[in-house]
Amino acid sequence: MASTADTPRSRQLGAELRQARKASGMTTHQLGRQLDRSHTHVSRWETGKLTPSEADTSAVLGILGVTGEERDRLLKLARDAGDPNWVAPGVDRQLAALTEYERTARTIVDVQPLLIPGLLQTAEYARSIMIGAGATRGEADQRVTFRLGRRDVLTQRDPVELVAVIGEHALRYPPCEPGVMLEQLRHLISWTELPNVSLGAIPLEQRYTPALEGPFMLLEFERAKPVVHLEHYRSSTTITDAKDVADYQSAADNLRKTTLSPDTTTRLITKIIEELKEAT
């Protein structure tokens, strides 16, 4: 029987159980005592290193007071935790797992042919995209706050290495107001001052690259298996199957060979900034 540890649903379940526990004001020691489990066992559930059975999950939810549709949804995550890949309607469904992956990653390769990578977006750029996709102002503000919090992984004490592969199309053809894009491009250049952030542009004249097949994020870890995260319109997918992930690793290697160097990319962005300033 395949292990359910460290699968996308296991990570999501653990992250949501941790959120529910913290919301209740309970510590892992207190929860563990009520379950007759050690606090380290509870912690391993919450990080996805172990997956609680459906019965254990039900017991945790009962103690934490999680009921109704939320309880049913989390029990289903526990039942389906063994699947190495996870397609879910609604990009918010996998945010807890994605945040945990980003927090624990060693390296993130974020390939974005048409948009600025999420961790490098300004608040106004992100808000503009979200509202354009149909979110209300309130929903967009809430999601932006969450997104900005995620980028702490780039500035923390032991920061994640981010390799951002960005299509020149994303730099030249803004999905927002010119002023918002101008601020975004300047913000991109400021990120290059960090030694753990590298930008590589895919020039418009480049012929086929794997980026033409769509955006993807490859997350690699010190001691865990790599993961691929995909975002689609109103849905998202997380992939941990070894063969599938290996294909994305090959695609990432291919792209890193064909993108412009970081210095050349910075010069390109600076040039686009000047052109945008002249046009506005």
C-alpha atoms as a PDB file:
ATOM      1  CA  MET A   1       0.000   0.000   0.000  1.00  0.00           C
ATOM      2  CA  ALA A   2       1.394   3.397  -0.969  1.00  0.00           C
ATOM      3  CA  SER A   3       2.295   5.813   1.814  1.00  0.00           C
ATOM      4  CA  THR A   4      -0.004   8.780   2.354  1.00  0.00           C
ATOM      5  CA  ALA A   5       2.763  10.848   3.950  1.00  0.00           C
ATOM      6  CA  ASP A   6       3.779  14.091   2.231  1.00  0.00           C
ATOM      7  CA  THR A   7       1.129  13.833  -0.487  1.00  0.00           C
ATOM      8  CA  PRO A   8      -0.652  17.071  -1.488  1.00  0.00           C
ATOM      9  CA  ARG A   9      -3.837  16.177   0.392  1.00  0.00           C
ATOM     10  CA  SER A  10      -1.825  15.110   3.441  1.00  0.00           C
ATOM     11  CA  ARG A  11      -0.079  18.487   3.494  1.00  0.00           C
ATOM     12  CA  GLN A  12      -3.357  20.336   3.022  1.00  0.00           C
ATOM     13  CA  LEU A  13      -5.093  18.322   5.734  1.00  0.00           C
ATOM     14  CA  GLY A  14      -2.238  18.878   8.179  1.00  0.00           C
ATOM     15  CA  ALA A  15      -2.086  22.613   7.492  1.00  0.00           C
ATOM     16  CA  GLU A  16      -5.837  22.981   7.988  1.00  0.00           C
ATOM     17  CA  LEU A  17      -5.801  20.926  11.205  1.00  0.00           C
ATOM     18  CA  ARG A  18      -3.028  23.200  12.487  1.00  0.00           C
ATOM     19  CA  GLN A  19      -5.070  26.291  11.611  1.00  0.00           C
ATOM     20  CA  ALA A  20      -8.124  24.854  13.378  1.00  0.00           C
ATOM     21  CA  ARG A  21      -6.068  23.957  16.460  1.00  0.00           C
ATOM     22  CA  LYS A  22      -4.535  27.423  16.682  1.00  0.00           C
ATOM     23  CA  ALA A  23      -7.960  29.032  16.216  1.00  0.00           C
ATOM     24  CA  SER A  24      -9.191  27.004  19.200  1.00  0.00           C
ATOM     25  CA  GLY A  25      -6.305  28.238  21.356  1.00  0.00           C
ATOM     26  CA  MET A  26      -5.102  24.690  21.996  1.00  0.00           C
ATOM     27  CA  THR A  27      -1.430  23.591  21.915  1.00  0.00           C
ATOM     28  CA  THR A  28      -0.160  20.354  20.386  1.00  0.00           C
ATOM     29  CA  HIS A  29       0.514  19.081  23.934  1.00  0.00           C
ATOM     30  CA  GLN A  30      -3.090  19.746  25.010  1.00  0.00           C
ATOM     31  CA  LEU A  31      -4.543  18.174  21.865  1.00  0.00           C
ATOM     32  CA  GLY A  32      -2.226  15.190  22.145  1.00  0.00           C
ATOM     33  CA  ARG A  33      -3.296  14.514  25.739  1.00  0.00           C
ATOM     34  CA  GLN A  34      -6.972  14.466  24.739  1.00  0.00           C
ATOM     35  CA  LEU A  35      -6.187  12.057  21.896  1.00  0.00           C
ATOM     36  CA  ASP A  36      -3.773   9.932  23.955  1.00  0.00           C
ATOM     37  CA  ARG A  37      -1.028  10.799  21.476  1.00  0.00           C
ATOM     38  CA  SER A  38       2.310  12.547  21.905  1.00  0.00           C
ATOM     39  CA  HIS A  39       2.626  16.188  20.875  1.00  0.00           C
ATOM     40  CA  THR A  40       5.261  15.161  18.300  1.00  0.00           C
ATOM     41  CA  HIS A  41       2.743  12.785  16.733  1.00  0.00           C
ATOM     42  CA  VAL A  42       0.246  15.646  16.440  1.00  0.00           C
ATOM     43  CA  SER A  43       2.971  17.879  14.972  1.00  0.00           C
ATOM     44  CA  ARG A  44       3.781  15.255  12.336  1.00  0.00           C
ATOM     45  CA  TRP A  45       0.115  15.121  11.372  1.00  0.00           C
ATOM     46  CA  GLU A  46       0.111  18.904  11.010  1.00  0.00           C
ATOM     47  CA  THR A  47       3.179  18.955   8.749  1.00  0.00           C
ATOM     48  CA  GLY A  48       1.921  16.097   6.575  1.00  0.00           C
ATOM     49  CA  LYS A  49       4.781  13.806   7.636  1.00  0.00           C
ATOM     50  CA  LEU A  50       2.113  11.440   8.936  1.00  0.00           C
ATOM     51  CA  THR A  51      -1.499  11.292   7.790  1.00  0.00           C
ATOM     52  CA  PRO A  52      -4.148  10.746  10.440  1.00  0.00           C
ATOM     53  CA  SER A  53      -6.668   8.029   9.672  1.00  0.00           C
ATOM     54  CA  GLU A  54     -10.239   9.058   8.995  1.00  0.00           C
ATOM     55  CA  ALA A  55     -11.096   8.019  12.576  1.00  0.00           C
ATOM     56  CA  ASP A  56      -8.211  10.068  14.021  1.00  0.00           C
ATOM     57  CA  THR A  57      -9.189  13.033  11.878  1.00  0.00           C
ATOM     58  CA  SER A  58     -12.766  12.752  13.093  1.00  0.00           C
ATOM     59  CA  ALA A  59     -11.563  12.706  16.702  1.00  0.00           C
ATOM     60  CA  VAL A  60      -9.395  15.798  16.167  1.00  0.00           C
ATOM     61  CA  LEU A  61     -12.234  17.679  14.509  1.00  0.00           C
ATOM     62  CA  GLY A  62     -14.592  16.730  17.332  1.00  0.00           C
ATOM     63  CA  ILE A  63     -12.201  18.116  19.942  1.00  0.00           C
ATOM     64  CA  LEU A  64     -11.621  21.292  17.945  1.00  0.00           C
ATOM     65  CA  GLY A  65     -15.332  21.830  17.310  1.00  0.00           C
ATOM     66  CA  VAL A  66     -15.166  21.589  13.507  1.00  0.00           C
ATOM     67  CA  THR A  67     -18.572  20.524  12.190  1.00  0.00           C
ATOM     68  CA  GLY A  68     -20.828  20.468   9.125  1.00  0.00           C
ATOM     69  CA  GLU A  69     -19.478  20.852   5.594  1.00  0.00           C
ATOM     70  CA  GLU A  70     -15.996  21.776   6.837  1.00  0.00           C
ATOM     71  CA  ARG A  71     -15.779  18.526   8.796  1.00  0.00           C
ATOM     72  CA  ASP A  72     -16.980  16.510   5.791  1.00  0.00           C
ATOM     73  CA  ARG A  73     -14.429  18.181   3.515  1.00  0.00           C
ATOM     74  CA  LEU A  74     -11.507  17.454   5.852  1.00  0.00           C
ATOM     75  CA  LEU A  75     -12.592  13.844   6.348  1.00  0.00           C
ATOM     76  CA  LYS A  76     -12.609  13.432   2.576  1.00  0.00           C
ATOM     77  CA  LEU A  77      -9.038  14.770   2.468  1.00  0.00           C
ATOM     78  CA  ALA A  78      -8.065  12.080   4.981  1.00  0.00           C
ATOM     79  CA  ARG A  79      -9.795   9.356   2.933  1.00  0.00           C
ATOM     80  CA  ASP A  80      -8.149  10.421  -0.329  1.00  0.00           C
ATOM     81  CA  ALA A  81      -4.715  11.291   1.088  1.00  0.00           C
ATOM     82  CA  GLY A  82      -2.931   8.458  -0.726  1.00  0.00           C
ATOM     83  CA  ASP A  83      -3.296   9.957  -4.223  1.00  0.00           C
ATOM     84  CA  PRO A  84       0.094  11.445  -5.258  1.00  0.00           C
ATOM     85  CA  ASN A  85      -1.574  14.050  -7.509  1.00  0.00           C
ATOM     86  CA  TRP A  86      -4.450  16.354  -6.666  1.00  0.00           C
ATOM     87  CA  VAL A  87      -6.700  18.369  -8.980  1.00  0.00           C
ATOM     88  CA  ALA A  88      -9.064  20.687  -7.120  1.00  0.00           C
ATOM     89  CA  PRO A  89     -11.672  23.181  -8.314  1.00  0.00           C
ATOM     90  CA  GLY A  90     -11.016  26.598  -6.826  1.00  0.00           C
ATOM     91  CA  VAL A  91      -7.423  27.822  -6.455  1.00  0.00           C
ATOM     92  CA  ASP A  92      -8.024  28.544  -2.748  1.00  0.00           C
ATOM     93  CA  ARG A  93      -8.562  24.840  -2.012  1.00  0.00           C
ATOM     94  CA  GLN A  94      -4.821  24.112  -2.092  1.00  0.00           C
ATOM     95  CA  LEU A  95      -3.454  27.349  -0.614  1.00  0.00           C
ATOM     96  CA  ALA A  96      -2.656  25.891   2.805  1.00  0.00           C
ATOM     97  CA  ALA A  97      -0.645  23.052   1.244  1.00  0.00           C
ATOM     98  CA  LEU A  98       1.095  25.403  -1.215  1.00  0.00           C
ATOM     99  CA  THR A  99       2.059  27.772   1.603  1.00  0.00           C
ATOM    100  CA  GLU A 100       3.531  24.863   3.555  1.00  0.00           C
ATOM    101  CA  TYR A 101       5.467  23.694   0.499  1.00  0.00           C
ATOM    102  CA  GLU A 102       6.850  27.203  -0.071  1.00  0.00           C
ATOM    103  CA  ARG A 103       7.779  27.574   3.592  1.00  0.00           C
ATOM    104  CA  THR A 104       9.798  24.342   3.645  1.00  0.00           C
ATOM    105  CA  ALA A 105      11.291  24.443   0.131  1.00  0.00           C
ATOM    106  CA  ARG A 106      14.975  24.807  -0.612  1.00  0.00           C
ATOM    107  CA  THR A 107      14.460  26.025  -4.187  1.00  0.00           C
ATOM    108  CA  ILE A 108      11.424  27.213  -6.133  1.00  0.00           C
ATOM    109  CA  VAL A 109      11.453  27.478  -9.911  1.00  0.00           C
ATOM    110  CA  ASP A 110       8.415  29.524 -10.944  1.00  0.00           C
ATOM    111  CA  VAL A 111       7.713  29.541 -14.689  1.00  0.00           C
ATOM    112  CA  GLN A 112       5.248  32.241 -15.755  1.00  0.00           C
ATOM    113  CA  PRO A 113       4.981  33.016 -19.492  1.00  0.00           C
ATOM    114  CA  LEU A 114       2.141  35.570 -19.215  1.00  0.00           C
ATOM    115  CA  LEU A 115       2.116  36.964 -15.664  1.00  0.00           C
ATOM    116  CA  ILE A 116       4.562  38.102 -13.002  1.00  0.00           C
ATOM    117  CA  PRO A 117       5.237  35.242 -10.532  1.00  0.00           C
ATOM    118  CA  GLY A 118       2.977  35.440  -7.480  1.00  0.00           C
ATOM    119  CA  LEU A 119       5.763  35.788  -4.896  1.00  0.00           C
ATOM    120  CA  LEU A 120       7.121  38.834  -6.764  1.00  0.00           C
ATOM    121  CA  GLN A 121       3.828  40.642  -7.387  1.00  0.00           C
ATOM    122  CA  THR A 122       3.002  44.011  -5.875  1.00  0.00           C
ATOM    123  CA  ALA A 123      -0.275  44.383  -4.006  1.00  0.00           C
ATOM    124  CA  GLU A 124      -1.850  46.526  -6.736  1.00  0.00           C
ATOM    125  CA  TYR A 125      -0.765  44.194  -9.551  1.00  0.00           C
ATOM    126  CA  ALA A 126      -2.165  41.158  -7.726  1.00  0.00           C
ATOM    127  CA  ARG A 127      -5.365  42.994  -6.812  1.00  0.00           C
ATOM    128  CA  SER A 128      -5.902  44.093 -10.421  1.00  0.00           C
ATOM    129  CA  ILE A 129      -5.600  40.513 -11.688  1.00  0.00           C
ATOM    130  CA  MET A 130      -7.922  39.124  -9.022  1.00  0.00           C
ATOM    131  CA  ILE A 131     -10.619  41.715  -9.646  1.00  0.00           C
ATOM    132  CA  GLY A 132     -10.251  41.149 -13.390  1.00  0.00           C
ATOM    133  CA  ALA A 133     -10.858  37.435 -12.753  1.00  0.00           C
ATOM    134  CA  GLY A 134     -14.137  38.196 -10.993  1.00  0.00           C
ATOM    135  CA  ALA A 135     -13.232  38.644  -7.314  1.00  0.00           C
ATOM    136  CA  THR A 136     -14.964  41.373  -5.337  1.00  0.00           C
ATOM    137  CA  ARG A 137     -12.816  44.148  -3.867  1.00  0.00           C
ATOM    138  CA  GLY A 138     -13.151  42.576  -0.422  1.00  0.00           C
ATOM    139  CA  GLU A 139     -12.197  39.109  -1.667  1.00  0.00           C
ATOM    140  CA  ALA A 140      -9.248  40.550  -3.597  1.00  0.00           C
ATOM    141  CA  ASP A 141      -7.996  42.492  -0.560  1.00  0.00           C
ATOM    142  CA  GLN A 142      -8.119  39.340   1.576  1.00  0.00           C
ATOM    143  CA  ARG A 143      -6.260  37.263  -1.012  1.00  0.00           C
ATOM    144  CA  VAL A 144      -3.658  39.992  -1.574  1.00  0.00           C
ATOM    145  CA  THR A 145      -2.907  40.129   2.155  1.00  0.00           C
ATOM    146  CA  PHE A 146      -2.397  36.369   2.157  1.00  0.00           C
ATOM    147  CA  ARG A 147      -0.227  36.492  -0.975  1.00  0.00           C
ATOM    148  CA  LEU A 148       2.026  39.216   0.414  1.00  0.00           C
ATOM    149  CA  GLY A 149       2.476  37.164   3.565  1.00  0.00           C
ATOM    150  CA  ARG A 150       3.654  34.188   1.512  1.00  0.00           C
ATOM    151  CA  ARG A 151       6.641  36.092   0.156  1.00  0.00           C
ATOM    152  CA  ASP A 152       8.244  36.195   3.611  1.00  0.00           C
ATOM    153  CA  VAL A 153       9.944  32.952   2.537  1.00  0.00           C
ATOM    154  CA  LEU A 154      12.234  35.098   0.359  1.00  0.00           C
ATOM    155  CA  THR A 155      13.418  37.369   3.188  1.00  0.00           C
ATOM    156  CA  GLN A 156      13.406  35.076   6.223  1.00  0.00           C
ATOM    157  CA  ARG A 157      16.584  34.122   8.076  1.00  0.00           C
ATOM    158  CA  ASP A 158      17.172  31.042   5.908  1.00  0.00           C
ATOM    159  CA  PRO A 159      15.478  32.194   2.696  1.00  0.00           C
ATOM    160  CA  VAL A 160      14.187  30.047  -0.122  1.00  0.00           C
ATOM    161  CA  GLU A 161      16.045  30.311  -3.430  1.00  0.00           C
ATOM    162  CA  LEU A 162      13.653  31.549  -6.117  1.00  0.00           C
ATOM    163  CA  VAL A 163      14.367  31.153  -9.817  1.00  0.00           C
ATOM    164  CA  ALA A 164      11.705  33.151 -11.661  1.00  0.00           C
ATOM    165  CA  VAL A 165      11.354  32.393 -15.375  1.00  0.00           C
ATOM    166  CA  ILE A 166       9.193  35.155 -16.866  1.00  0.00           C
ATOM    167  CA  GLY A 167       8.006  35.501 -20.433  1.00  0.00           C
ATOM    168  CA  GLU A 168       8.889  38.828 -22.066  1.00  0.00           C
ATOM    169  CA  HIS A 169       5.188  38.974 -22.926  1.00  0.00           C
ATOM    170  CA  ALA A 170       4.449  39.266 -19.173  1.00  0.00           C
ATOM    171  CA  LEU A 171       6.825  42.222 -18.954  1.00  0.00           C
ATOM    172  CA  ARG A 172       5.635  44.073 -22.051  1.00  0.00           C
ATOM    173  CA  TYR A 173       1.877  43.515 -22.102  1.00  0.00           C
ATOM    174  CA  PRO A 174       0.416  44.401 -18.702  1.00  0.00           C
ATOM    175  CA  PRO A 175      -2.917  42.984 -17.504  1.00  0.00           C
ATOM    176  CA  CYS A 176      -3.384  46.143 -15.436  1.00  0.00           C
ATOM    177  CA  GLU A 177      -3.147  49.950 -15.582  1.00  0.00           C
ATOM    178  CA  PRO A 178       0.186  51.317 -16.917  1.00  0.00           C
ATOM    179  CA  GLY A 179       0.970  52.986 -13.589  1.00  0.00           C
ATOM    180  CA  VAL A 180       0.444  49.726 -11.722  1.00  0.00           C
ATOM    181  CA  MET A 181       2.700  47.913 -14.185  1.00  0.00           C
ATOM    182  CA  LEU A 182       5.394  50.566 -13.879  1.00  0.00           C
ATOM    183  CA  GLU A 183       5.453  50.065 -10.116  1.00  0.00           C
ATOM    184  CA  GLN A 184       5.505  46.282 -10.639  1.00  0.00           C
ATOM    185  CA  LEU A 185       8.505  46.404 -12.985  1.00  0.00           C
ATOM    186  CA  ARG A 186      10.450  48.610 -10.566  1.00  0.00           C
ATOM    187  CA  HIS A 187       9.541  46.194  -7.799  1.00  0.00           C
ATOM    188  CA  LEU A 188      10.902  43.305  -9.877  1.00  0.00           C
ATOM    189  CA  ILE A 189      14.275  45.015 -10.187  1.00  0.00           C
ATOM    190  CA  SER A 190      14.397  45.585  -6.426  1.00  0.00           C
ATOM    191  CA  TRP A 191      13.987  41.824  -5.888  1.00  0.00           C
ATOM    192  CA  THR A 192      17.146  41.158  -7.913  1.00  0.00           C
ATOM    193  CA  GLU A 193      19.178  42.802  -5.127  1.00  0.00           C
ATOM    194  CA  LEU A 194      18.574  39.690  -3.023  1.00  0.00           C
ATOM    195  CA  PRO A 195      21.183  36.943  -3.610  1.00  0.00           C
ATOM    196  CA  ASN A 196      18.512  34.221  -3.398  1.00  0.00           C
ATOM    197  CA  VAL A 197      16.270  35.681  -6.140  1.00  0.00           C
ATOM    198  CA  SER A 198      17.141  35.187  -9.814  1.00  0.00           C
ATOM    199  CA  LEU A 199      15.131  36.469 -12.791  1.00  0.00           C
ATOM    200  CA  GLY A 200      15.369  35.041 -16.291  1.00  0.00           C
ATOM    201  CA  ALA A 201      13.250  36.362 -19.163  1.00  0.00           C
ATOM    202  CA  ILE A 202      12.082  34.277 -22.098  1.00  0.00           C
ATOM    203  CA  PRO A 203      12.577  36.599 -25.105  1.00  0.00           C
ATOM    204  CA  LEU A 204       9.700  37.096 -27.507  1.00  0.00           C
ATOM    205  CA  GLU A 205      11.763  35.784 -30.413  1.00  0.00           C
ATOM    206  CA  GLN A 206      12.476  32.486 -28.622  1.00  0.00           C
ATOM    207  CA  ARG A 207      10.838  29.598 -30.446  1.00  0.00           C
ATOM    208  CA  TYR A 208       9.341  26.628 -28.619  1.00  0.00           C
ATOM    209  CA  THR A 209       9.987  26.285 -24.892  1.00  0.00           C
ATOM    210  CA  PRO A 210       8.086  24.211 -22.307  1.00  0.00           C
ATOM    211  CA  ALA A 211       6.648  27.500 -21.003  1.00  0.00           C
ATOM    212  CA  LEU A 212       4.365  27.569 -24.045  1.00  0.00           C
ATOM    213  CA  GLU A 213       2.548  24.607 -22.493  1.00  0.00           C
ATOM    214  CA  GLY A 214       1.592  26.770 -19.505  1.00  0.00           C
ATOM    215  CA  PRO A 215       2.913  28.061 -16.158  1.00  0.00           C
ATOM    216  CA  PHE A 216       4.188  25.768 -13.425  1.00  0.00           C
ATOM    217  CA  MET A 217       5.992  25.912 -10.107  1.00  0.00           C
ATOM    218  CA  LEU A 218       8.627  23.316  -9.198  1.00  0.00           C
ATOM    219  CA  LEU A 219       9.436  23.104  -5.482  1.00  0.00           C
ATOM    220  CA  GLU A 220      12.480  21.153  -4.289  1.00  0.00           C
ATOM    221  CA  PHE A 221      13.351  20.325  -0.678  1.00  0.00           C
ATOM    222  CA  GLU A 222      16.324  19.260   1.431  1.00  0.00           C
ATOM    223  CA  ARG A 223      14.853  15.963   2.619  1.00  0.00           C
ATOM    224  CA  ALA A 224      11.494  15.537   0.883  1.00  0.00           C
ATOM    225  CA  LYS A 225      10.559  14.647  -2.676  1.00  0.00           C
ATOM    226  CA  PRO A 226      10.031  17.516  -5.150  1.00  0.00           C
ATOM    227  CA  VAL A 227       6.543  18.789  -5.934  1.00  0.00           C
ATOM    228  CA  VAL A 228       4.956  20.553  -8.907  1.00  0.00           C
ATOM    229  CA  HIS A 229       2.103  23.020  -8.474  1.00  0.00           C
ATOM    230  CA  LEU A 230      -0.057  24.194 -11.372  1.00  0.00           C
ATOM    231  CA  GLU A 231      -2.665  26.945 -11.360  1.00  0.00           C
ATOM    232  CA  HIS A 232      -5.417  27.040 -13.954  1.00  0.00           C
ATOM    233  CA  TYR A 233      -8.479  29.187 -14.326  1.00  0.00           C
ATOM    234  CA  ARG A 234     -10.543  28.474 -11.191  1.00  0.00           C
ATOM    235  CA  SER A 235      -8.663  25.271 -10.358  1.00  0.00           C
ATOM    236  CA  SER A 236      -5.251  24.063  -9.266  1.00  0.00           C
ATOM    237  CA  THR A 237      -3.225  20.854  -9.381  1.00  0.00           C
ATOM    238  CA  THR A 238      -0.438  19.517  -7.199  1.00  0.00           C
ATOM    239  CA  ILE A 239       1.734  16.699  -8.534  1.00  0.00           C
ATOM    240  CA  THR A 240       4.077  14.462  -6.530  1.00  0.00           C
ATOM    241  CA  ASP A 241       4.201  11.362  -8.746  1.00  0.00           C
ATOM    242  CA  ALA A 242       7.932  10.810  -9.354  1.00  0.00           C
ATOM    243  CA  LYS A 243       7.748  10.283 -13.130  1.00  0.00           C
ATOM    244  CA  ASP A 244       5.508  13.295 -13.705  1.00  0.00           C
ATOM    245  CA  VAL A 245       7.688  15.512 -11.511  1.00  0.00           C
ATOM    246  CA  ALA A 246      10.825  14.359 -13.366  1.00  0.00           C
ATOM    247  CA  ASP A 247       9.301  15.633 -16.625  1.00  0.00           C
ATOM    248  CA  TYR A 248       8.822  19.073 -15.066  1.00  0.00           C
ATOM    249  CA  GLN A 249      12.380  19.024 -13.698  1.00  0.00           C
ATOM    250  CA  SER A 250      13.639  18.400 -17.242  1.00  0.00           C
ATOM    251  CA  ALA A 251      11.448  21.255 -18.503  1.00  0.00           C
ATOM    252  CA  ALA A 252      12.841  23.583 -15.819  1.00  0.00           C
ATOM    253  CA  ASP A 253      16.425  22.643 -16.767  1.00  0.00           C
ATOM    254  CA  ASN A 254      15.617  23.289 -20.427  1.00  0.00           C
ATOM    255  CA  LEU A 255      14.156  26.706 -19.651  1.00  0.00           C
ATOM    256  CA  ARG A 256      17.073  27.787 -17.478  1.00  0.00           C
ATOM    257  CA  LYS A 257      19.354  27.157 -20.458  1.00  0.00           C
ATOM    258  CA  THR A 258      17.274  29.209 -22.900  1.00  0.00           C
ATOM    259  CA  THR A 259      16.290  32.240 -20.811  1.00  0.00           C
ATOM    260  CA  LEU A 260      18.218  35.495 -20.760  1.00  0.00           C
ATOM    261  CA  SER A 261      20.838  35.842 -18.043  1.00  0.00           C
ATOM    262  CA  PRO A 262      19.858  37.713 -14.847  1.00  0.00           C
ATOM    263  CA  ASP A 263      21.907  40.779 -15.872  1.00  0.00           C
ATOM    264  CA  THR A 264      20.431  40.825 -19.380  1.00  0.00           C
ATOM    265  CA  THR A 265      16.956  40.363 -17.915  1.00  0.00           C
ATOM    266  CA  THR A 266      17.460  43.327 -15.586  1.00  0.00           C
ATOM    267  CA  ARG A 267      18.580  45.477 -18.522  1.00  0.00           C
ATOM    268  CA  LEU A 268      15.506  44.383 -20.485  1.00  0.00           C
ATOM    269  CA  ILE A 269      13.197  45.321 -17.615  1.00  0.00           C
ATOM    270  CA  THR A 270      14.918  48.687 -17.258  1.00  0.00           C
ATOM    271  CA  LYS A 271      14.444  49.316 -20.986  1.00  0.00           C
ATOM    272  CA  ILE A 272      10.748  48.405 -20.780  1.00  0.00           C
ATOM    273  CA  ILE A 273      10.337  50.770 -17.815  1.00  0.00           C
ATOM    274  CA  GLU A 274      11.758  53.653 -19.870  1.00  0.00           C
ATOM    275  CA  GLU A 275       9.481  52.790 -22.796  1.00  0.00           C
ATOM    276  CA  LEU A 276       6.443  52.630 -20.519  1.00  0.00           C
ATOM    277  CA  LYS A 277       7.336  55.984 -18.917  1.00  0.00           C
ATOM    278  CA  GLU A 278       7.549  57.599 -22.335  1.00  0.00           C
ATOM    279  CA  ALA A 279       4.184  56.148 -23.380  1.00  0.00           C
ATOM    280  CA  THR A 280       2.326  57.353 -20.252  1.00  0.00           C
END
